[in-house]
Amino acid sequence: MYDYSKVTYNDAPQVINEEAPAISVYKMVEPPYPTGALKNGIEGFVKLEFDIDEKGKAINIEIIDSKPSYMFEAVSLRTLMEWDFSRLVVDGVPQKQGHKNIEFKFEIDK
């Protein structure tokens, strides 16, 4: 899986969906590592499912899985809402894109 703690704008990952081609991330912010987790050496992940609206923003975000529970969920949700994705345009009309999945991994450099 992709290590999002080291993400920069230039190596933005693609969001993968089994039923549709990958989409690009045009604006990405790095999720901040929660201070308490960092101080205590806690690592984890959050898997999210979401749709992309006609403007390229994440909507209908749902937490699919996370470990440890609740530790990284809020920061992952806030971060995903700040991202801008490629838009799907059919016959000149922007379309909503459904059922995208992403995993944020939180790992401490050793």
PDB file of N, CA and C in Angstrom:
ATOM      1  N   MET A   1       0.821  -1.186   0.000  1.00  0.00           N
ATOM      2  CA  MET A   1       0.000   0.000   0.000  1.00  0.00           C
ATOM      3  C   MET A   1       0.865   1.249   0.000  1.00  0.00           C
ATOM      4  N   TYR A   2       0.288   2.352  -0.372  1.00  0.00           N
ATOM      5  CA  TYR A   2       0.988   3.624  -0.469  1.00  0.00           C
ATOM      6  C   TYR A   2       1.168   4.238   0.911  1.00  0.00           C
ATOM      7  N   ASP A   3       2.332   4.740   1.207  1.00  0.00           N
ATOM      8  CA  ASP A   3       2.624   5.372   2.484  1.00  0.00           C
ATOM      9  C   ASP A   3       2.291   6.858   2.386  1.00  0.00           C
ATOM     10  N   TYR A   4       1.119   7.259   2.851  1.00  0.00           N
ATOM     11  CA  TYR A   4       0.656   8.640   2.716  1.00  0.00           C
ATOM     12  C   TYR A   4       1.364   9.596   3.652  1.00  0.00           C
ATOM     13  N   SER A   5       2.111   9.094   4.621  1.00  0.00           N
ATOM     14  CA  SER A   5       2.836  10.001   5.504  1.00  0.00           C
ATOM     15  C   SER A   5       3.982  10.676   4.757  1.00  0.00           C
ATOM     16  N   LYS A   6       4.346  10.161   3.569  1.00  0.00           N
ATOM     17  CA  LYS A   6       5.444  10.723   2.801  1.00  0.00           C
ATOM     18  C   LYS A   6       4.978  11.291   1.462  1.00  0.00           C
ATOM     19  N   VAL A   7       3.703  11.516   1.301  1.00  0.00           N
ATOM     20  CA  VAL A   7       3.153  11.986   0.029  1.00  0.00           C
ATOM     21  C   VAL A   7       3.538  13.427  -0.248  1.00  0.00           C
ATOM     22  N   THR A   8       3.878  13.710  -1.488  1.00  0.00           N
ATOM     23  CA  THR A   8       4.040  15.086  -1.928  1.00  0.00           C
ATOM     24  C   THR A   8       3.144  15.281  -3.140  1.00  0.00           C
ATOM     25  N   TYR A   9       2.933  16.522  -3.515  1.00  0.00           N
ATOM     26  CA  TYR A   9       2.038  16.814  -4.632  1.00  0.00           C
ATOM     27  C   TYR A   9       2.485  16.123  -5.915  1.00  0.00           C
ATOM     28  N   ASN A  10       3.790  16.072  -6.159  1.00  0.00           N
ATOM     29  CA  ASN A  10       4.298  15.547  -7.423  1.00  0.00           C
ATOM     30  C   ASN A  10       4.155  14.040  -7.573  1.00  0.00           C
ATOM     31  N   ASP A  11       4.043  13.304  -6.500  1.00  0.00           N
ATOM     32  CA  ASP A  11       3.875  11.866  -6.645  1.00  0.00           C
ATOM     33  C   ASP A  11       2.505  11.423  -6.137  1.00  0.00           C
ATOM     34  N   ALA A  12       1.510  12.235  -6.461  1.00  0.00           N
ATOM     35  CA  ALA A  12       0.144  11.955  -6.026  1.00  0.00           C
ATOM     36  C   ALA A  12      -0.304  10.579  -6.519  1.00  0.00           C
ATOM     37  N   PRO A  13      -0.866   9.772  -5.632  1.00  0.00           N
ATOM     38  CA  PRO A  13      -1.316   8.451  -6.038  1.00  0.00           C
ATOM     39  C   PRO A  13      -2.612   8.534  -6.822  1.00  0.00           C
ATOM     40  N   GLN A  14      -2.950   7.467  -7.465  1.00  0.00           N
ATOM     41  CA  GLN A  14      -4.236   7.387  -8.125  1.00  0.00           C
ATOM     42  C   GLN A  14      -5.177   6.602  -7.239  1.00  0.00           C
ATOM     43  N   VAL A  15      -6.429   6.948  -7.271  1.00  0.00           N
ATOM     44  CA  VAL A  15      -7.449   6.237  -6.516  1.00  0.00           C
ATOM     45  C   VAL A  15      -7.940   5.107  -7.402  1.00  0.00           C
ATOM     46  N   ILE A  16      -7.934   3.915  -6.856  1.00  0.00           N
ATOM     47  CA  ILE A  16      -8.255   2.737  -7.648  1.00  0.00           C
ATOM     48  C   ILE A  16      -9.681   2.272  -7.353  1.00  0.00           C
ATOM     49  N   ASN A  17     -10.372   1.910  -8.382  1.00  0.00           N
ATOM     50  CA  ASN A  17     -11.706   1.335  -8.276  1.00  0.00           C
ATOM     51  C   ASN A  17     -11.736   0.157  -9.231  1.00  0.00           C
ATOM     52  N   GLU A  18     -12.161  -1.001  -8.752  1.00  0.00           N
ATOM     53  CA  GLU A  18     -12.141  -2.203  -9.569  1.00  0.00           C
ATOM     54  C   GLU A  18     -13.035  -2.107 -10.797  1.00  0.00           C
ATOM     55  N   GLU A  19     -14.106  -1.338 -10.734  1.00  0.00           N
ATOM     56  CA  GLU A  19     -15.048  -1.267 -11.849  1.00  0.00           C
ATOM     57  C   GLU A  19     -14.756  -0.145 -12.829  1.00  0.00           C
ATOM     58  N   ALA A  20     -13.850   0.765 -12.500  1.00  0.00           N
ATOM     59  CA  ALA A  20     -13.603   1.923 -13.356  1.00  0.00           C
ATOM     60  C   ALA A  20     -12.110   2.216 -13.379  1.00  0.00           C
ATOM     61  N   PRO A  21     -11.670   2.937 -14.371  1.00  0.00           N
ATOM     62  CA  PRO A  21     -10.248   3.285 -14.427  1.00  0.00           C
ATOM     63  C   PRO A  21      -9.839   4.167 -13.254  1.00  0.00           C
ATOM     64  N   ALA A  22      -8.542   4.216 -12.998  1.00  0.00           N
ATOM     65  CA  ALA A  22      -8.015   5.054 -11.922  1.00  0.00           C
ATOM     66  C   ALA A  22      -8.295   6.522 -12.234  1.00  0.00           C
ATOM     67  N   ILE A  23      -8.410   7.304 -11.181  1.00  0.00           N
ATOM     68  CA  ILE A  23      -8.609   8.737 -11.341  1.00  0.00           C
ATOM     69  C   ILE A  23      -7.416   9.456 -10.739  1.00  0.00           C
ATOM     70  N   SER A  24      -7.180  10.661 -11.152  1.00  0.00           N
ATOM     71  CA  SER A  24      -6.038  11.428 -10.667  1.00  0.00           C
ATOM     72  C   SER A  24      -6.444  12.385  -9.564  1.00  0.00           C
ATOM     73  N   VAL A  25      -5.496  12.646  -8.688  1.00  0.00           N
ATOM     74  CA  VAL A  25      -5.665  13.640  -7.638  1.00  0.00           C
ATOM     75  C   VAL A  25      -4.943  14.892  -8.104  1.00  0.00           C
ATOM     76  N   TYR A  26      -5.674  16.015  -8.242  1.00  0.00           N
ATOM     77  CA  TYR A  26      -5.080  17.259  -8.700  1.00  0.00           C
ATOM     78  C   TYR A  26      -4.610  18.148  -7.569  1.00  0.00           C
ATOM     79  N   LYS A  27      -5.300  18.113  -6.459  1.00  0.00           N
ATOM     80  CA  LYS A  27      -4.871  18.878  -5.287  1.00  0.00           C
ATOM     81  C   LYS A  27      -4.870  17.915  -4.116  1.00  0.00           C
ATOM     82  N   MET A  28      -3.726  17.813  -3.492  1.00  0.00           N
ATOM     83  CA  MET A  28      -3.598  16.886  -2.379  1.00  0.00           C
ATOM     84  C   MET A  28      -2.921  17.594  -1.212  1.00  0.00           C
ATOM     85  N   VAL A  29      -3.435  17.359  -0.026  1.00  0.00           N
ATOM     86  CA  VAL A  29      -2.761  17.804   1.185  1.00  0.00           C
ATOM     87  C   VAL A  29      -2.378  16.547   1.957  1.00  0.00           C
ATOM     88  N   GLU A  30      -1.279  16.628   2.643  1.00  0.00           N
ATOM     89  CA  GLU A  30      -0.813  15.493   3.427  1.00  0.00           C
ATOM     90  C   GLU A  30      -1.578  15.444   4.741  1.00  0.00           C
ATOM     91  N   PRO A  31      -2.049  14.265   5.138  1.00  0.00           N
ATOM     92  CA  PRO A  31      -2.751  14.185   6.424  1.00  0.00           C
ATOM     93  C   PRO A  31      -1.772  14.398   7.576  1.00  0.00           C
ATOM     94  N   PRO A  32      -2.095  15.280   8.506  1.00  0.00           N
ATOM     95  CA  PRO A  32      -1.203  15.472   9.645  1.00  0.00           C
ATOM     96  C   PRO A  32      -1.250  14.243  10.567  1.00  0.00           C
ATOM     97  N   TYR A  33      -0.113  13.881  11.084  1.00  0.00           N
ATOM     98  CA  TYR A  33      -0.043  12.743  12.015  1.00  0.00           C
ATOM     99  C   TYR A  33      -0.554  13.221  13.367  1.00  0.00           C
ATOM    100  N   PRO A  34      -1.577  12.587  13.924  1.00  0.00           N
ATOM    101  CA  PRO A  34      -2.084  13.034  15.230  1.00  0.00           C
ATOM    102  C   PRO A  34      -0.978  13.030  16.289  1.00  0.00           C
ATOM    103  N   THR A  35      -0.874  14.114  17.036  1.00  0.00           N
ATOM    104  CA  THR A  35       0.205  14.297  18.003  1.00  0.00           C
ATOM    105  C   THR A  35       0.273  13.163  19.017  1.00  0.00           C
ATOM    106  N   GLY A  36      -0.861  12.769  19.557  1.00  0.00           N
ATOM    107  CA  GLY A  36      -0.872  11.695  20.558  1.00  0.00           C
ATOM    108  C   GLY A  36      -0.372  10.373  19.994  1.00  0.00           C
ATOM    109  N   ALA A  37      -0.762  10.071  18.775  1.00  0.00           N
ATOM    110  CA  ALA A  37      -0.313   8.835  18.139  1.00  0.00           C
ATOM    111  C   ALA A  37       1.185   8.882  17.879  1.00  0.00           C
ATOM    112  N   LEU A  38       1.670  10.026  17.432  1.00  0.00           N
ATOM    113  CA  LEU A  38       3.094  10.169  17.152  1.00  0.00           C
ATOM    114  C   LEU A  38       3.923  10.029  18.425  1.00  0.00           C
ATOM    115  N   LYS A  39       3.503  10.714  19.494  1.00  0.00           N
ATOM    116  CA  LYS A  39       4.230  10.656  20.770  1.00  0.00           C
ATOM    117  C   LYS A  39       4.284   9.236  21.331  1.00  0.00           C
ATOM    118  N   ASN A  40       3.223   8.460  21.078  1.00  0.00           N
ATOM    119  CA  ASN A  40       3.141   7.101  21.622  1.00  0.00           C
ATOM    120  C   ASN A  40       3.575   6.026  20.629  1.00  0.00           C
ATOM    121  N   GLY A  41       4.081   6.448  19.467  1.00  0.00           N
ATOM    122  CA  GLY A  41       4.582   5.481  18.496  1.00  0.00           C
ATOM    123  C   GLY A  41       3.502   4.616  17.866  1.00  0.00           C
ATOM    124  N   ILE A  42       2.293   5.134  17.782  1.00  0.00           N
ATOM    125  CA  ILE A  42       1.169   4.354  17.244  1.00  0.00           C
ATOM    126  C   ILE A  42       1.089   4.533  15.733  1.00  0.00           C
ATOM    127  N   GLU A  43       1.020   3.423  15.010  1.00  0.00           N
ATOM    128  CA  GLU A  43       0.842   3.428  13.567  1.00  0.00           C
ATOM    129  C   GLU A  43      -0.511   2.814  13.246  1.00  0.00           C
ATOM    130  N   GLY A  44      -1.002   3.058  12.042  1.00  0.00           N
ATOM    131  CA  GLY A  44      -2.300   2.496  11.691  1.00  0.00           C
ATOM    132  C   GLY A  44      -2.709   2.857  10.279  1.00  0.00           C
ATOM    133  N   PHE A  45      -3.985   2.650  10.005  1.00  0.00           N
ATOM    134  CA  PHE A  45      -4.519   2.935   8.674  1.00  0.00           C
ATOM    135  C   PHE A  45      -6.002   3.234   8.768  1.00  0.00           C
ATOM    136  N   VAL A  46      -6.512   3.857   7.710  1.00  0.00           N
ATOM    137  CA  VAL A  46      -7.950   4.092   7.557  1.00  0.00           C
ATOM    138  C   VAL A  46      -8.306   3.816   6.102  1.00  0.00           C
ATOM    139  N   LYS A  47      -9.298   2.948   5.886  1.00  0.00           N
ATOM    140  CA  LYS A  47      -9.802   2.678   4.540  1.00  0.00           C
ATOM    141  C   LYS A  47     -11.136   3.397   4.392  1.00  0.00           C
ATOM    142  N   LEU A  48     -11.251   4.166   3.307  1.00  0.00           N
ATOM    143  CA  LEU A  48     -12.451   4.960   3.062  1.00  0.00           C
ATOM    144  C   LEU A  48     -13.069   4.593   1.723  1.00  0.00           C
ATOM    145  N   GLU A  49     -14.395   4.705   1.652  1.00  0.00           N
ATOM    146  CA  GLU A  49     -15.118   4.613   0.383  1.00  0.00           C
ATOM    147  C   GLU A  49     -15.835   5.940   0.208  1.00  0.00           C
ATOM    148  N   PHE A  50     -15.875   6.427  -1.044  1.00  0.00           N
ATOM    149  CA  PHE A  50     -16.470   7.736  -1.271  1.00  0.00           C
ATOM    150  C   PHE A  50     -16.908   7.863  -2.720  1.00  0.00           C
ATOM    151  N   ASP A  51     -17.676   8.902  -2.980  1.00  0.00           N
ATOM    152  CA  ASP A  51     -18.063   9.291  -4.334  1.00  0.00           C
ATOM    153  C   ASP A  51     -17.334  10.588  -4.658  1.00  0.00           C
ATOM    154  N   ILE A  52     -17.289  10.925  -5.930  1.00  0.00           N
ATOM    155  CA  ILE A  52     -16.720  12.200  -6.364  1.00  0.00           C
ATOM    156  C   ILE A  52     -17.831  12.968  -7.066  1.00  0.00           C
ATOM    157  N   ASP A  53     -18.070  14.200  -6.612  1.00  0.00           N
ATOM    158  CA  ASP A  53     -19.142  14.987  -7.224  1.00  0.00           C
ATOM    159  C   ASP A  53     -18.701  15.581  -8.558  1.00  0.00           C
ATOM    160  N   GLU A  54     -19.595  16.312  -9.171  1.00  0.00           N
ATOM    161  CA  GLU A  54     -19.346  16.883 -10.496  1.00  0.00           C
ATOM    162  C   GLU A  54     -18.217  17.915 -10.499  1.00  0.00           C
ATOM    163  N   LYS A  55     -17.872  18.437  -9.329  1.00  0.00           N
ATOM    164  CA  LYS A  55     -16.793  19.428  -9.225  1.00  0.00           C
ATOM    165  C   LYS A  55     -15.445  18.788  -8.883  1.00  0.00           C
ATOM    166  N   GLY A  56     -15.424  17.463  -8.676  1.00  0.00           N
ATOM    167  CA  GLY A  56     -14.180  16.772  -8.359  1.00  0.00           C
ATOM    168  C   GLY A  56     -13.873  16.697  -6.874  1.00  0.00           C
ATOM    169  N   LYS A  57     -14.885  16.869  -6.026  1.00  0.00           N
ATOM    170  CA  LYS A  57     -14.704  16.810  -4.577  1.00  0.00           C
ATOM    171  C   LYS A  57     -15.262  15.504  -4.021  1.00  0.00           C
ATOM    172  N   ALA A  58     -14.615  14.994  -2.969  1.00  0.00           N
ATOM    173  CA  ALA A  58     -15.081  13.768  -2.312  1.00  0.00           C
ATOM    174  C   ALA A  58     -16.355  14.053  -1.521  1.00  0.00           C
ATOM    175  N   ILE A  59     -17.353  13.186  -1.701  1.00  0.00           N
ATOM    176  CA  ILE A  59     -18.621  13.296  -0.969  1.00  0.00           C
ATOM    177  C   ILE A  59     -19.027  11.901  -0.505  1.00  0.00           C
ATOM    178  N   ASN A  60     -20.014  11.813   0.360  1.00  0.00           N
ATOM    179  CA  ASN A  60     -20.547  10.540   0.852  1.00  0.00           C
ATOM    180  C   ASN A  60     -19.433   9.632   1.357  1.00  0.00           C
ATOM    181  N   ILE A  61     -18.529  10.188   2.131  1.00  0.00           N
ATOM    182  CA  ILE A  61     -17.372   9.436   2.619  1.00  0.00           C
ATOM    183  C   ILE A  61     -17.792   8.516   3.757  1.00  0.00           C
ATOM    184  N   GLU A  62     -17.383   7.254   3.649  1.00  0.00           N
ATOM    185  CA  GLU A  62     -17.669   6.257   4.685  1.00  0.00           C
ATOM    186  C   GLU A  62     -16.378   5.572   5.098  1.00  0.00           C
ATOM    187  N   ILE A  63     -16.241   5.314   6.390  1.00  0.00           N
ATOM    188  CA  ILE A  63     -15.095   4.570   6.903  1.00  0.00           C
ATOM    189  C   ILE A  63     -15.408   3.086   6.745  1.00  0.00           C
ATOM    190  N   ILE A  64     -14.548   2.384   6.012  1.00  0.00           N
ATOM    191  CA  ILE A  64     -14.728   0.951   5.785  1.00  0.00           C
ATOM    192  C   ILE A  64     -14.006   0.138   6.854  1.00  0.00           C
ATOM    193  N   ASP A  65     -12.803   0.597   7.225  1.00  0.00           N
ATOM    194  CA  ASP A  65     -11.997  -0.117   8.223  1.00  0.00           C
ATOM    195  C   ASP A  65     -10.953   0.848   8.756  1.00  0.00           C
ATOM    196  N   SER A  66     -10.527   0.640   9.986  1.00  0.00           N
ATOM    197  CA  SER A  66      -9.434   1.428  10.548  1.00  0.00           C
ATOM    198  C   SER A  66      -8.819   0.670  11.714  1.00  0.00           C
ATOM    199  N   LYS A  67      -7.531   0.872  11.871  1.00  0.00           N
ATOM    200  CA  LYS A  67      -6.811   0.274  12.994  1.00  0.00           C
ATOM    201  C   LYS A  67      -5.772   1.289  13.436  1.00  0.00           C
ATOM    202  N   PRO A  68      -5.626   1.607  14.689  1.00  0.00           N
ATOM    203  CA  PRO A  68      -6.610   1.320  15.716  1.00  0.00           C
ATOM    204  C   PRO A  68      -7.874   2.165  15.504  1.00  0.00           C
ATOM    205  N   SER A  69      -8.972   1.636  15.947  1.00  0.00           N
ATOM    206  CA  SER A  69     -10.246   2.331  15.765  1.00  0.00           C
ATOM    207  C   SER A  69     -10.186   3.742  16.350  1.00  0.00           C
ATOM    208  N   TYR A  70     -10.695   4.686  15.608  1.00  0.00           N
ATOM    209  CA  TYR A  70     -10.872   6.091  16.003  1.00  0.00           C
ATOM    210  C   TYR A  70      -9.596   6.926  16.034  1.00  0.00           C
ATOM    211  N   MET A  71      -8.424   6.320  16.029  1.00  0.00           N
ATOM    212  CA  MET A  71      -7.180   7.079  16.173  1.00  0.00           C
ATOM    213  C   MET A  71      -6.912   8.007  14.986  1.00  0.00           C
ATOM    214  N   PHE A  72      -7.131   7.514  13.755  1.00  0.00           N
ATOM    215  CA  PHE A  72      -6.771   8.268  12.563  1.00  0.00           C
ATOM    216  C   PHE A  72      -7.976   8.630  11.682  1.00  0.00           C
ATOM    217  N   GLU A  73      -9.162   8.310  12.124  1.00  0.00           N
ATOM    218  CA  GLU A  73     -10.349   8.490  11.288  1.00  0.00           C
ATOM    219  C   GLU A  73     -10.657   9.954  10.993  1.00  0.00           C
ATOM    220  N   ALA A  74     -10.692  10.795  11.995  1.00  0.00           N
ATOM    221  CA  ALA A  74     -11.075  12.199  11.798  1.00  0.00           C
ATOM    222  C   ALA A  74     -10.108  12.919  10.872  1.00  0.00           C
ATOM    223  N   VAL A  75      -8.811  12.722  11.074  1.00  0.00           N
ATOM    224  CA  VAL A  75      -7.823  13.393  10.235  1.00  0.00           C
ATOM    225  C   VAL A  75      -7.892  12.869   8.796  1.00  0.00           C
ATOM    226  N   SER A  76      -8.197  11.598   8.614  1.00  0.00           N
ATOM    227  CA  SER A  76      -8.330  11.040   7.263  1.00  0.00           C
ATOM    228  C   SER A  76      -9.546  11.617   6.549  1.00  0.00           C
ATOM    229  N   LEU A  77     -10.657  11.740   7.248  1.00  0.00           N
ATOM    230  CA  LEU A  77     -11.874  12.315   6.661  1.00  0.00           C
ATOM    231  C   LEU A  77     -11.643  13.770   6.255  1.00  0.00           C
ATOM    232  N   ARG A  78     -11.057  14.561   7.155  1.00  0.00           N
ATOM    233  CA  ARG A  78     -10.796  15.981   6.852  1.00  0.00           C
ATOM    234  C   ARG A  78      -9.843  16.123   5.672  1.00  0.00           C
ATOM    235  N   THR A  79      -8.832  15.290   5.628  1.00  0.00           N
ATOM    236  CA  THR A  79      -7.851  15.367   4.546  1.00  0.00           C
ATOM    237  C   THR A  79      -8.491  15.042   3.206  1.00  0.00           C
ATOM    238  N   LEU A  80      -9.255  13.961   3.137  1.00  0.00           N
ATOM    239  CA  LEU A  80      -9.879  13.569   1.868  1.00  0.00           C
ATOM    240  C   LEU A  80     -10.824  14.661   1.355  1.00  0.00           C
ATOM    241  N   MET A  81     -11.516  15.350   2.265  1.00  0.00           N
ATOM    242  CA  MET A  81     -12.435  16.407   1.844  1.00  0.00           C
ATOM    243  C   MET A  81     -11.708  17.602   1.227  1.00  0.00           C
ATOM    244  N   GLU A  82     -10.408  17.739   1.481  1.00  0.00           N
ATOM    245  CA  GLU A  82      -9.633  18.847   0.916  1.00  0.00           C
ATOM    246  C   GLU A  82      -9.070  18.520  -0.463  1.00  0.00           C
ATOM    247  N   TRP A  83      -9.040  17.270  -0.839  1.00  0.00           N
ATOM    248  CA  TRP A  83      -8.466  16.877  -2.121  1.00  0.00           C
ATOM    249  C   TRP A  83      -9.385  17.247  -3.282  1.00  0.00           C
ATOM    250  N   ASP A  84      -8.788  17.489  -4.438  1.00  0.00           N
ATOM    251  CA  ASP A  84      -9.515  17.707  -5.691  1.00  0.00           C
ATOM    252  C   ASP A  84      -9.147  16.580  -6.654  1.00  0.00           C
ATOM    253  N   PHE A  85     -10.161  15.960  -7.248  1.00  0.00           N
ATOM    254  CA  PHE A  85      -9.978  14.829  -8.145  1.00  0.00           C
ATOM    255  C   PHE A  85     -10.314  15.206  -9.580  1.00  0.00           C
ATOM    256  N   SER A  86      -9.826  14.379 -10.504  1.00  0.00           N
ATOM    257  CA  SER A  86     -10.189  14.578 -11.905  1.00  0.00           C
ATOM    258  C   SER A  86     -11.698  14.413 -12.040  1.00  0.00           C
ATOM    259  N   ARG A  87     -12.280  15.185 -12.938  1.00  0.00           N
ATOM    260  CA  ARG A  87     -13.721  15.115 -13.154  1.00  0.00           C
ATOM    261  C   ARG A  87     -14.023  14.217 -14.334  1.00  0.00           C
ATOM    262  N   LEU A  88     -15.148  13.530 -14.272  1.00  0.00           N
ATOM    263  CA  LEU A  88     -15.633  12.731 -15.387  1.00  0.00           C
ATOM    264  C   LEU A  88     -16.616  13.597 -16.167  1.00  0.00           C
ATOM    265  N   VAL A  89     -16.323  13.846 -17.435  1.00  0.00           N
ATOM    266  CA  VAL A  89     -17.187  14.678 -18.271  1.00  0.00           C
ATOM    267  C   VAL A  89     -17.660  13.833 -19.445  1.00  0.00           C
ATOM    268  N   VAL A  90     -18.981  13.723 -19.589  1.00  0.00           N
ATOM    269  CA  VAL A  90     -19.584  12.971 -20.688  1.00  0.00           C
ATOM    270  C   VAL A  90     -20.419  13.942 -21.515  1.00  0.00           C
ATOM    271  N   ASP A  91     -20.101  14.045 -22.799  1.00  0.00           N
ATOM    272  CA  ASP A  91     -20.797  14.964 -23.708  1.00  0.00           C
ATOM    273  C   ASP A  91     -20.829  16.391 -23.156  1.00  0.00           C
ATOM    274  N   GLY A  92     -19.710  16.789 -22.544  1.00  0.00           N
ATOM    275  CA  GLY A  92     -19.597  18.143 -22.029  1.00  0.00           C
ATOM    276  C   GLY A  92     -20.269  18.382 -20.689  1.00  0.00           C
ATOM    277  N   VAL A  93     -20.837  17.332 -20.088  1.00  0.00           N
ATOM    278  CA  VAL A  93     -21.545  17.470 -18.814  1.00  0.00           C
ATOM    279  C   VAL A  93     -20.791  16.715 -17.718  1.00  0.00           C
ATOM    280  N   PRO A  94     -20.344  17.411 -16.649  1.00  0.00           N
ATOM    281  CA  PRO A  94     -19.662  16.723 -15.552  1.00  0.00           C
ATOM    282  C   PRO A  94     -20.596  15.696 -14.888  1.00  0.00           C
ATOM    283  N   GLN A  95     -20.033  14.541 -14.541  1.00  0.00           N
ATOM    284  CA  GLN A  95     -20.803  13.456 -13.946  1.00  0.00           C
ATOM    285  C   GLN A  95     -20.280  13.121 -12.549  1.00  0.00           C
ATOM    286  N   LYS A  96     -21.164  12.624 -11.707  1.00  0.00           N
ATOM    287  CA  LYS A  96     -20.783  12.100 -10.405  1.00  0.00           C
ATOM    288  C   LYS A  96     -20.121  10.738 -10.626  1.00  0.00           C
ATOM    289  N   GLN A  97     -19.102  10.448  -9.828  1.00  0.00           N
ATOM    290  CA  GLN A  97     -18.416   9.157  -9.896  1.00  0.00           C
ATOM    291  C   GLN A  97     -18.589   8.449  -8.556  1.00  0.00           C
ATOM    292  N   GLY A  98     -19.006   7.207  -8.594  1.00  0.00           N
ATOM    293  CA  GLY A  98     -19.315   6.511  -7.352  1.00  0.00           C
ATOM    294  C   GLY A  98     -18.337   5.426  -6.970  1.00  0.00           C
ATOM    295  N   HIS A  99     -18.386   5.093  -5.695  1.00  0.00           N
ATOM    296  CA  HIS A  99     -17.717   3.938  -5.105  1.00  0.00           C
ATOM    297  C   HIS A  99     -16.224   3.887  -5.354  1.00  0.00           C
ATOM    298  N   LYS A 100     -15.511   4.920  -4.913  1.00  0.00           N
ATOM    299  CA  LYS A 100     -14.053   4.951  -4.963  1.00  0.00           C
ATOM    300  C   LYS A 100     -13.516   4.522  -3.608  1.00  0.00           C
ATOM    301  N   ASN A 101     -12.353   3.951  -3.587  1.00  0.00           N
ATOM    302  CA  ASN A 101     -11.745   3.480  -2.345  1.00  0.00           C
ATOM    303  C   ASN A 101     -10.331   4.011  -2.221  1.00  0.00           C
ATOM    304  N   ILE A 102      -9.941   4.306  -0.989  1.00  0.00           N
ATOM    305  CA  ILE A 102      -8.578   4.759  -0.726  1.00  0.00           C
ATOM    306  C   ILE A 102      -8.197   4.318   0.683  1.00  0.00           C
ATOM    307  N   GLU A 103      -6.905   4.129   0.884  1.00  0.00           N
ATOM    308  CA  GLU A 103      -6.398   3.784   2.208  1.00  0.00           C
ATOM    309  C   GLU A 103      -5.309   4.777   2.595  1.00  0.00           C
ATOM    310  N   PHE A 104      -5.478   5.397   3.745  1.00  0.00           N
ATOM    311  CA  PHE A 104      -4.445   6.250   4.316  1.00  0.00           C
ATOM    312  C   PHE A 104      -3.661   5.406   5.319  1.00  0.00           C
ATOM    313  N   LYS A 105      -2.342   5.326   5.134  1.00  0.00           N
ATOM    314  CA  LYS A 105      -1.490   4.611   6.057  1.00  0.00           C
ATOM    315  C   LYS A 105      -0.695   5.617   6.872  1.00  0.00           C
ATOM    316  N   PHE A 106      -0.625   5.384   8.145  1.00  0.00           N
ATOM    317  CA  PHE A 106       0.131   6.242   9.059  1.00  0.00           C
ATOM    318  C   PHE A 106       1.269   5.422   9.631  1.00  0.00           C
ATOM    319  N   GLU A 107       2.480   5.756   9.182  1.00  0.00           N
ATOM    320  CA  GLU A 107       3.669   5.039   9.626  1.00  0.00           C
ATOM    321  C   GLU A 107       4.716   6.060  10.065  1.00  0.00           C
ATOM    322  N   ILE A 108       5.422   5.722  11.100  1.00  0.00           N
ATOM    323  CA  ILE A 108       6.447   6.601  11.646  1.00  0.00           C
ATOM    324  C   ILE A 108       7.780   6.201  11.028  1.00  0.00           C
ATOM    325  N   ASP A 109       8.510   7.200  10.494  1.00  0.00           N
ATOM    326  CA  ASP A 109       9.845   6.933   9.959  1.00  0.00           C
ATOM    327  C   ASP A 109      10.742   6.428  11.074  1.00  0.00           C
ATOM    328  N   LYS A 110      11.467   5.394  10.766  1.00  0.00           N
ATOM    329  CA  LYS A 110      12.343   4.802  11.813  1.00  0.00           C
ATOM    330  C   LYS A 110      13.783   4.987  11.454  1.00  0.00           C
TER     331      LYS A 110
END
